[in-house]
C-alpha atoms as a PDB file:
ATOM      1  CA  UNK A   1       0.008  -0.003   0.000  1.00  0.00           C
ATOM      2  CA  UNK A   2       1.020   3.619  -0.193  1.00  0.00           C
ATOM      3  CA  UNK A   3       1.990   5.886  -3.018  1.00  0.00           C
ATOM      4  CA  UNK A   4       4.619   4.579  -5.393  1.00  0.00           C
ATOM      5  CA  UNK A   5       6.959   6.604  -7.543  1.00  0.00           C
ATOM      6  CA  UNK A   6       9.532   6.263 -10.254  1.00  0.00           C
ATOM      7  CA  UNK A   7      12.891   7.842  -9.478  1.00  0.00           C
ATOM      8  CA  UNK A   8      15.711   8.705 -11.850  1.00  0.00           C
ATOM      9  CA  UNK A   9      19.220   9.584 -10.705  1.00  0.00           C
ATOM     10  CA  UNK A  10      22.055  10.880 -12.877  1.00  0.00           C
ATOM     11  CA  UNK A  11      25.569  11.246 -11.504  1.00  0.00           C
ATOM     12  CA  UNK A  12      28.434  12.889 -13.390  1.00  0.00           C
ATOM     13  CA  UNK A  13      31.540  10.721 -13.685  1.00  0.00           C
ATOM     14  CA  UNK A  14      33.582  12.741 -11.211  1.00  0.00           C
ATOM     15  CA  UNK A  15      31.112  12.313  -8.303  1.00  0.00           C
ATOM     16  CA  UNK A  16      30.175   8.647  -8.728  1.00  0.00           C
ATOM     17  CA  UNK A  17      32.771   7.346  -6.253  1.00  0.00           C
ATOM     18  CA  UNK A  18      32.005  10.088  -3.737  1.00  0.00           C
ATOM     19  CA  UNK A  19      28.292   9.236  -3.877  1.00  0.00           C
ATOM     20  CA  UNK A  20      28.714   5.482  -3.463  1.00  0.00           C
ATOM     21  CA  UNK A  21      31.398   5.818  -0.769  1.00  0.00           C
ATOM     22  CA  UNK A  22      28.987   7.923   1.301  1.00  0.00           C
ATOM     23  CA  UNK A  23      26.051   5.490   1.276  1.00  0.00           C
ATOM     24  CA  UNK A  24      25.910   3.358   4.397  1.00  0.00           C
ATOM     25  CA  UNK A  25      26.003  -0.415   3.754  1.00  0.00           C
ATOM     26  CA  UNK A  26      22.413  -0.951   4.916  1.00  0.00           C
ATOM     27  CA  UNK A  27      21.123   1.540   2.343  1.00  0.00           C
ATOM     28  CA  UNK A  28      23.118   0.457  -0.710  1.00  0.00           C
ATOM     29  CA  UNK A  29      20.290  -1.828  -1.814  1.00  0.00           C
ATOM     30  CA  UNK A  30      18.506   0.957  -3.668  1.00  0.00           C
ATOM     31  CA  UNK A  31      21.371   1.291  -6.123  1.00  0.00           C
ATOM     32  CA  UNK A  32      22.738  -2.250  -6.043  1.00  0.00           C
ATOM     33  CA  UNK A  33      21.519  -2.989  -9.550  1.00  0.00           C
ATOM     34  CA  UNK A  34      23.453  -2.273 -12.687  1.00  0.00           C
ATOM     35  CA  UNK A  35      22.851   1.293 -13.924  1.00  0.00           C
ATOM     36  CA  UNK A  36      20.222   1.669 -16.644  1.00  0.00           C
ATOM     37  CA  UNK A  37      22.832   3.438 -18.788  1.00  0.00           C
ATOM     38  CA  UNK A  38      26.382   4.745 -18.693  1.00  0.00           C
ATOM     39  CA  UNK A  39      28.090   7.373 -20.804  1.00  0.00           C
ATOM     40  CA  UNK A  40      31.704   8.502 -20.404  1.00  0.00           C
ATOM     41  CA  UNK A  41      31.616   7.542 -16.728  1.00  0.00           C
ATOM     42  CA  UNK A  42      28.271   9.183 -15.963  1.00  0.00           C
ATOM     43  CA  UNK A  43      25.578   6.867 -14.592  1.00  0.00           C
ATOM     44  CA  UNK A  44      21.814   6.734 -14.915  1.00  0.00           C
ATOM     45  CA  UNK A  45      19.766   4.782 -12.406  1.00  0.00           C
ATOM     46  CA  UNK A  46      16.034   4.309 -12.711  1.00  0.00           C
ATOM     47  CA  UNK A  47      14.024   2.954  -9.784  1.00  0.00           C
ATOM     48  CA  UNK A  48      10.486   1.988 -10.716  1.00  0.00           C
ATOM     49  CA  UNK A  49       7.457   1.578  -8.500  1.00  0.00           C
ATOM     50  CA  UNK A  50       9.213   2.386  -5.216  1.00  0.00           C
ATOM     51  CA  UNK A  51       7.977   3.995  -2.023  1.00  0.00           C
ATOM     52  CA  UNK A  52      10.003   7.207  -2.017  1.00  0.00           C
ATOM     53  CA  UNK A  53       9.266   8.995   1.242  1.00  0.00           C
ATOM     54  CA  UNK A  54      11.678  11.565   2.687  1.00  0.00           C
ATOM     55  CA  UNK A  55      10.958  10.124   6.133  1.00  0.00           C
ATOM     56  CA  UNK A  56      12.436   6.723   5.157  1.00  0.00           C
ATOM     57  CA  UNK A  57      16.019   6.443   6.389  1.00  0.00           C
ATOM     58  CA  UNK A  58      17.439   5.248   3.070  1.00  0.00           C
ATOM     59  CA  UNK A  59      15.778   8.051   1.120  1.00  0.00           C
ATOM     60  CA  UNK A  60      16.764  10.754   3.624  1.00  0.00           C
ATOM     61  CA  UNK A  61      20.369   9.527   3.537  1.00  0.00           C
ATOM     62  CA  UNK A  62      20.444   9.590  -0.280  1.00  0.00           C
ATOM     63  CA  UNK A  63      19.026  13.120  -0.290  1.00  0.00           C
ATOM     64  CA  UNK A  64      21.575  14.310   2.272  1.00  0.00           C
ATOM     65  CA  UNK A  65      24.426  12.856   0.203  1.00  0.00           C
ATOM     66  CA  UNK A  66      23.132  14.527  -2.953  1.00  0.00           C
ATOM     67  CA  UNK A  67      22.839  17.851  -1.136  1.00  0.00           C
ATOM     68  CA  UNK A  68      26.559  17.547  -0.310  1.00  0.00           C
ATOM     69  CA  UNK A  69      27.556  17.044  -3.947  1.00  0.00           C
ATOM     70  CA  UNK A  70      27.990  19.882  -6.441  1.00  0.00           C
ATOM     71  CA  UNK A  71      24.493  20.587  -7.698  1.00  0.00           C
ATOM     72  CA  UNK A  72      25.549  20.650 -11.350  1.00  0.00           C
ATOM     73  CA  UNK A  73      26.985  17.120 -11.033  1.00  0.00           C
ATOM     74  CA  UNK A  74      23.835  15.268  -9.944  1.00  0.00           C
ATOM     75  CA  UNK A  75      20.147  15.208 -10.683  1.00  0.00           C
ATOM     76  CA  UNK A  76      17.461  13.179  -8.982  1.00  0.00           C
ATOM     77  CA  UNK A  77      13.880  13.403 -10.147  1.00  0.00           C
ATOM     78  CA  UNK A  78      10.867  11.642  -8.647  1.00  0.00           C
ATOM     79  CA  UNK A  79       7.628  11.266 -10.546  1.00  0.00           C
ATOM     80  CA  UNK A  80       4.409   9.880  -9.221  1.00  0.00           C
ATOM     81  CA  UNK A  81       1.889   8.749 -11.835  1.00  0.00           C
ATOM     82  CA  UNK A  82      -0.941   8.937  -9.278  1.00  0.00           C
ATOM     83  CA  UNK A  83      -0.118  12.591  -8.474  1.00  0.00           C
ATOM     84  CA  UNK A  84       1.558  14.121 -11.551  1.00  0.00           C
ATOM     85  CA  UNK A  85       2.112  17.565 -10.060  1.00  0.00           C
ATOM     86  CA  UNK A  86       4.041  16.246  -7.101  1.00  0.00           C
ATOM     87  CA  UNK A  87       7.491  14.748  -6.756  1.00  0.00           C
ATOM     88  CA  UNK A  88      10.903  16.120  -5.974  1.00  0.00           C
ATOM     89  CA  UNK A  89      13.905  17.290  -7.895  1.00  0.00           C
ATOM     90  CA  UNK A  90      17.391  17.511  -6.368  1.00  0.00           C
ATOM     91  CA  UNK A  91      20.434  18.868  -8.156  1.00  0.00           C
ATOM     92  CA  UNK A  92      20.783  20.770 -11.398  1.00  0.00           C
ATOM     93  CA  UNK A  93      22.589  18.433 -13.820  1.00  0.00           C
ATOM     94  CA  UNK A  94      19.960  19.265 -16.437  1.00  0.00           C
ATOM     95  CA  UNK A  95      22.374  18.999 -19.352  1.00  0.00           C
ATOM     96  CA  UNK A  96      23.034  15.340 -18.566  1.00  0.00           C
ATOM     97  CA  UNK A  97      24.004  12.873 -21.303  1.00  0.00           C
ATOM     98  CA  UNK A  98      20.793  10.869 -20.811  1.00  0.00           C
ATOM     99  CA  UNK A  99      18.433  13.843 -21.075  1.00  0.00           C
ATOM    100  CA  UNK A 100      16.765  12.757 -17.827  1.00  0.00           C
ATOM    101  CA  UNK A 101      14.050  15.250 -17.037  1.00  0.00           C
ATOM    102  CA  UNK A 102      10.648  15.503 -15.451  1.00  0.00           C
ATOM    103  CA  UNK A 103       7.844  15.570 -17.976  1.00  0.00           C
ATOM    104  CA  UNK A 104       4.366  16.158 -16.609  1.00  0.00           C
ATOM    105  CA  UNK A 105       1.346  15.922 -18.827  1.00  0.00           C
ATOM    106  CA  UNK A 106      -2.181  16.604 -17.717  1.00  0.00           C
ATOM    107  CA  UNK A 107      -5.049  16.897 -20.097  1.00  0.00           C
ATOM    108  CA  UNK A 108      -8.805  16.780 -20.169  1.00  0.00           C
ATOM    109  CA  UNK A 109     -10.252  14.308 -22.591  1.00  0.00           C
ATOM    110  CA  UNK A 110     -13.854  13.427 -23.359  1.00  0.00           C
ATOM    111  CA  UNK A 111     -16.046  11.931 -26.034  1.00  0.00           C
ATOM    112  CA  UNK A 112     -19.601  12.518 -27.095  1.00  0.00           C
ATOM    113  CA  UNK A 113     -21.795  15.529 -26.863  1.00  0.00           C
ATOM    114  CA  UNK A 114     -24.731  16.889 -25.013  1.00  0.00           C
ATOM    115  CA  UNK A 115     -28.175  16.328 -26.547  1.00  0.00           C
END
């Protein structure tokens, strides 16, 4: 139960080691999988259908580590399909080699007419 999100994380090559060295062993599970993509040392991780609550110890630790990195070297974006206008963004590595970005689309759609 609870709200689930998709989370993308991009790390520039020169902060990858610093990021992973800072994660405590009990919280490394979030990023224990192989990155979704790599490019010239930069990494892209995509976590799908996860409970991403700032009050969870693993999430709060990840956010604290990212806040300690140069903003232009990391970018984390959370999207929640159930609540498209919500979610968080941390960092400012917008010009990342994977073009990771938050794209929100909301539209009204209907069929038929009134008689």
